Amino acid sequence: MARKDDPRITDLARYRRAREQARRQPPPKPTPPQAAGSQSFLGGRRNAGLILAIVVLVLLALYVGPMLF
């Protein structure tokens, strides 16, 4: 016979109680949308400025490089 604390055995009454408690809880409140001016121009990425600077330098090198040689 299996022991009561064996996790492989399903306790239907405990499952039903947990399901009822979850049903009684109010749904989570949605987060309010952020104002248009509160977001950064480059978004929320931490390294976005560095990546943009590297892209600008590469494009500048591709444009000016052939003029020098």
N, C-alpha and C. Protein backbone atom coordinates (compact mmCIF):
# COMPACT_ATOMS: atom_id res chain seq x y z
N MET A 1 0.84 -1.18 0.00
CA MET A 1 0.00 0.00 0.00
C MET A 1 0.89 1.25 0.00
N ALA A 2 0.49 2.29 -0.72
CA ALA A 2 1.27 3.52 -0.83
C ALA A 2 1.09 4.39 0.40
N ARG A 3 2.15 5.14 0.71
CA ARG A 3 2.08 6.05 1.86
C ARG A 3 1.33 7.31 1.47
N LYS A 4 0.83 8.05 2.47
CA LYS A 4 0.04 9.25 2.19
C LYS A 4 0.88 10.40 1.66
N ASP A 5 2.16 10.48 2.01
CA ASP A 5 2.98 11.60 1.58
C ASP A 5 3.67 11.34 0.24
N ASP A 6 3.28 10.29 -0.45
CA ASP A 6 3.85 9.97 -1.75
C ASP A 6 3.32 10.98 -2.78
N PRO A 7 4.19 11.80 -3.44
CA PRO A 7 3.72 12.83 -4.36
C PRO A 7 3.13 12.25 -5.65
N ARG A 8 3.34 10.99 -5.91
CA ARG A 8 2.81 10.40 -7.13
C ARG A 8 1.33 10.11 -7.02
N ILE A 9 0.80 10.10 -5.82
CA ILE A 9 -0.60 9.81 -5.62
C ILE A 9 -1.38 11.13 -5.62
N THR A 10 -2.41 11.19 -6.43
CA THR A 10 -3.20 12.41 -6.57
C THR A 10 -4.27 12.47 -5.49
N ASP A 11 -4.32 13.61 -4.82
CA ASP A 11 -5.36 13.83 -3.83
C ASP A 11 -6.42 14.72 -4.48
N LEU A 12 -7.52 14.12 -4.87
CA LEU A 12 -8.54 14.84 -5.60
C LEU A 12 -9.20 15.93 -4.76
N ALA A 13 -9.36 15.70 -3.49
CA ALA A 13 -9.97 16.71 -2.63
C ALA A 13 -9.06 17.93 -2.51
N ARG A 14 -7.76 17.71 -2.37
CA ARG A 14 -6.82 18.83 -2.29
C ARG A 14 -6.80 19.60 -3.61
N TYR A 15 -6.87 18.89 -4.71
CA TYR A 15 -6.91 19.53 -6.03
C TYR A 15 -8.16 20.40 -6.17
N ARG A 16 -9.29 19.88 -5.74
CA ARG A 16 -10.54 20.65 -5.84
C ARG A 16 -10.51 21.89 -4.95
N ARG A 17 -9.95 21.77 -3.74
CA ARG A 17 -9.83 22.93 -2.85
C ARG A 17 -8.94 23.99 -3.46
N ALA A 18 -7.81 23.59 -4.02
CA ALA A 18 -6.89 24.55 -4.65
C ALA A 18 -7.55 25.22 -5.84
N ARG A 19 -8.31 24.46 -6.61
CA ARG A 19 -8.99 25.02 -7.77
C ARG A 19 -10.06 26.02 -7.34
N GLU A 20 -10.78 25.73 -6.28
CA GLU A 20 -11.80 26.66 -5.78
C GLU A 20 -11.16 27.93 -5.23
N GLN A 21 -10.04 27.80 -4.53
CA GLN A 21 -9.36 29.00 -4.01
C GLN A 21 -8.87 29.87 -5.16
N ALA A 22 -8.33 29.24 -6.19
CA ALA A 22 -7.85 30.02 -7.34
C ALA A 22 -9.01 30.71 -8.04
N ARG A 23 -10.17 30.08 -8.06
CA ARG A 23 -11.34 30.67 -8.70
C ARG A 23 -11.88 31.85 -7.90
N ARG A 24 -11.76 31.79 -6.57
CA ARG A 24 -12.28 32.87 -5.71
C ARG A 24 -11.40 34.10 -5.72
N GLN A 25 -10.11 33.94 -6.02
CA GLN A 25 -9.21 35.10 -6.02
C GLN A 25 -9.56 36.00 -7.19
N PRO A 26 -9.51 37.32 -6.97
CA PRO A 26 -9.81 38.24 -8.07
C PRO A 26 -8.70 38.16 -9.12
N PRO A 27 -9.03 38.43 -10.36
CA PRO A 27 -8.00 38.40 -11.41
C PRO A 27 -6.96 39.49 -11.14
N PRO A 28 -5.72 39.27 -11.56
CA PRO A 28 -4.69 40.29 -11.33
C PRO A 28 -5.00 41.57 -12.08
N LYS A 29 -4.69 42.69 -11.45
CA LYS A 29 -4.97 43.98 -12.06
C LYS A 29 -3.98 44.22 -13.20
N PRO A 30 -4.46 44.68 -14.34
CA PRO A 30 -3.53 44.96 -15.44
C PRO A 30 -2.68 46.19 -15.12
N THR A 31 -1.46 46.18 -15.61
CA THR A 31 -0.58 47.32 -15.38
C THR A 31 -1.03 48.46 -16.28
N PRO A 32 -1.01 49.68 -15.77
CA PRO A 32 -1.44 50.82 -16.59
C PRO A 32 -0.45 51.07 -17.72
N PRO A 33 -0.93 51.47 -18.88
CA PRO A 33 -0.01 51.75 -19.98
C PRO A 33 0.84 52.96 -19.65
N GLN A 34 2.09 52.91 -20.10
CA GLN A 34 2.99 54.01 -19.83
C GLN A 34 2.68 55.18 -20.76
N ALA A 35 2.95 56.35 -20.26
CA ALA A 35 2.74 57.55 -21.07
C ALA A 35 3.73 57.54 -22.23
N ALA A 36 3.37 58.19 -23.33
CA ALA A 36 4.20 58.18 -24.53
C ALA A 36 5.56 58.83 -24.28
N GLY A 37 5.62 59.83 -23.44
CA GLY A 37 6.87 60.54 -23.21
C GLY A 37 7.76 59.90 -22.17
N SER A 38 7.27 58.90 -21.46
CA SER A 38 8.08 58.32 -20.40
C SER A 38 9.04 57.26 -20.89
N GLN A 39 8.88 56.79 -22.13
CA GLN A 39 9.77 55.77 -22.66
C GLN A 39 10.96 56.40 -23.33
N SER A 40 12.08 55.69 -23.28
CA SER A 40 13.30 56.16 -23.90
C SER A 40 13.17 56.10 -25.42
N PHE A 41 13.94 56.92 -26.12
CA PHE A 41 13.90 56.94 -27.58
C PHE A 41 14.38 55.61 -28.16
N LEU A 42 15.38 55.01 -27.51
CA LEU A 42 15.93 53.76 -28.01
C LEU A 42 15.26 52.54 -27.42
N GLY A 43 14.29 52.72 -26.57
CA GLY A 43 13.60 51.58 -25.98
C GLY A 43 14.22 51.21 -24.64
N GLY A 44 13.91 50.02 -24.18
CA GLY A 44 14.35 49.60 -22.86
C GLY A 44 15.66 48.86 -22.84
N ARG A 45 16.27 48.66 -23.97
CA ARG A 45 17.52 47.89 -23.99
C ARG A 45 18.66 48.71 -23.42
N ARG A 46 19.45 48.06 -22.60
CA ARG A 46 20.52 48.75 -21.89
C ARG A 46 21.66 49.15 -22.83
N ASN A 47 21.98 48.33 -23.81
CA ASN A 47 23.11 48.59 -24.70
C ASN A 47 22.69 49.17 -26.04
N ALA A 48 21.49 49.69 -26.15
CA ALA A 48 21.00 50.19 -27.43
C ALA A 48 21.83 51.37 -27.93
N GLY A 49 22.25 52.25 -27.06
CA GLY A 49 23.07 53.40 -27.47
C GLY A 49 24.41 52.97 -28.02
N LEU A 50 25.04 51.99 -27.39
CA LEU A 50 26.32 51.48 -27.86
C LEU A 50 26.18 50.81 -29.23
N ILE A 51 25.14 50.03 -29.40
CA ILE A 51 24.92 49.36 -30.68
C ILE A 51 24.65 50.39 -31.77
N LEU A 52 23.87 51.41 -31.47
CA LEU A 52 23.59 52.46 -32.45
C LEU A 52 24.87 53.20 -32.82
N ALA A 53 25.72 53.49 -31.86
CA ALA A 53 26.98 54.17 -32.13
C ALA A 53 27.88 53.32 -33.02
N ILE A 54 27.94 52.03 -32.77
CA ILE A 54 28.76 51.14 -33.59
C ILE A 54 28.24 51.09 -35.02
N VAL A 55 26.93 51.02 -35.19
CA VAL A 55 26.33 51.00 -36.53
C VAL A 55 26.64 52.29 -37.27
N VAL A 56 26.55 53.42 -36.59
CA VAL A 56 26.84 54.70 -37.22
C VAL A 56 28.31 54.77 -37.63
N LEU A 57 29.22 54.30 -36.78
CA LEU A 57 30.64 54.32 -37.12
C LEU A 57 30.95 53.40 -38.31
N VAL A 58 30.32 52.25 -38.37
CA VAL A 58 30.54 51.34 -39.50
C VAL A 58 30.02 51.96 -40.79
N LEU A 59 28.84 52.55 -40.74
CA LEU A 59 28.30 53.20 -41.94
C LEU A 59 29.17 54.38 -42.37
N LEU A 60 29.65 55.13 -41.41
CA LEU A 60 30.54 56.25 -41.72
C LEU A 60 31.83 55.75 -42.34
N ALA A 61 32.39 54.67 -41.83
CA ALA A 61 33.62 54.10 -42.38
C ALA A 61 33.37 53.58 -43.80
N LEU A 62 32.24 52.99 -44.05
CA LEU A 62 31.94 52.50 -45.40
C LEU A 62 31.74 53.66 -46.39
N TYR A 63 31.26 54.78 -45.92
CA TYR A 63 31.04 55.94 -46.78
C TYR A 63 32.32 56.73 -47.01
N VAL A 64 33.08 56.98 -45.95
CA VAL A 64 34.27 57.82 -46.05
C VAL A 64 35.50 57.01 -46.46
N GLY A 65 35.55 55.74 -46.11
CA GLY A 65 36.71 54.90 -46.42
C GLY A 65 37.11 54.88 -47.89
N PRO A 66 36.19 54.64 -48.80
CA PRO A 66 36.57 54.63 -50.21
C PRO A 66 37.04 56.00 -50.72
N MET A 67 36.61 57.08 -50.12
CA MET A 67 37.06 58.41 -50.56
C MET A 67 38.53 58.64 -50.19
N LEU A 68 38.99 58.02 -49.12
CA LEU A 68 40.37 58.24 -48.69
C LEU A 68 41.36 57.41 -49.50
N PHE A 69 40.96 56.31 -50.04
CA PHE A 69 41.91 55.44 -50.77
C PHE A 69 41.70 55.46 -52.21
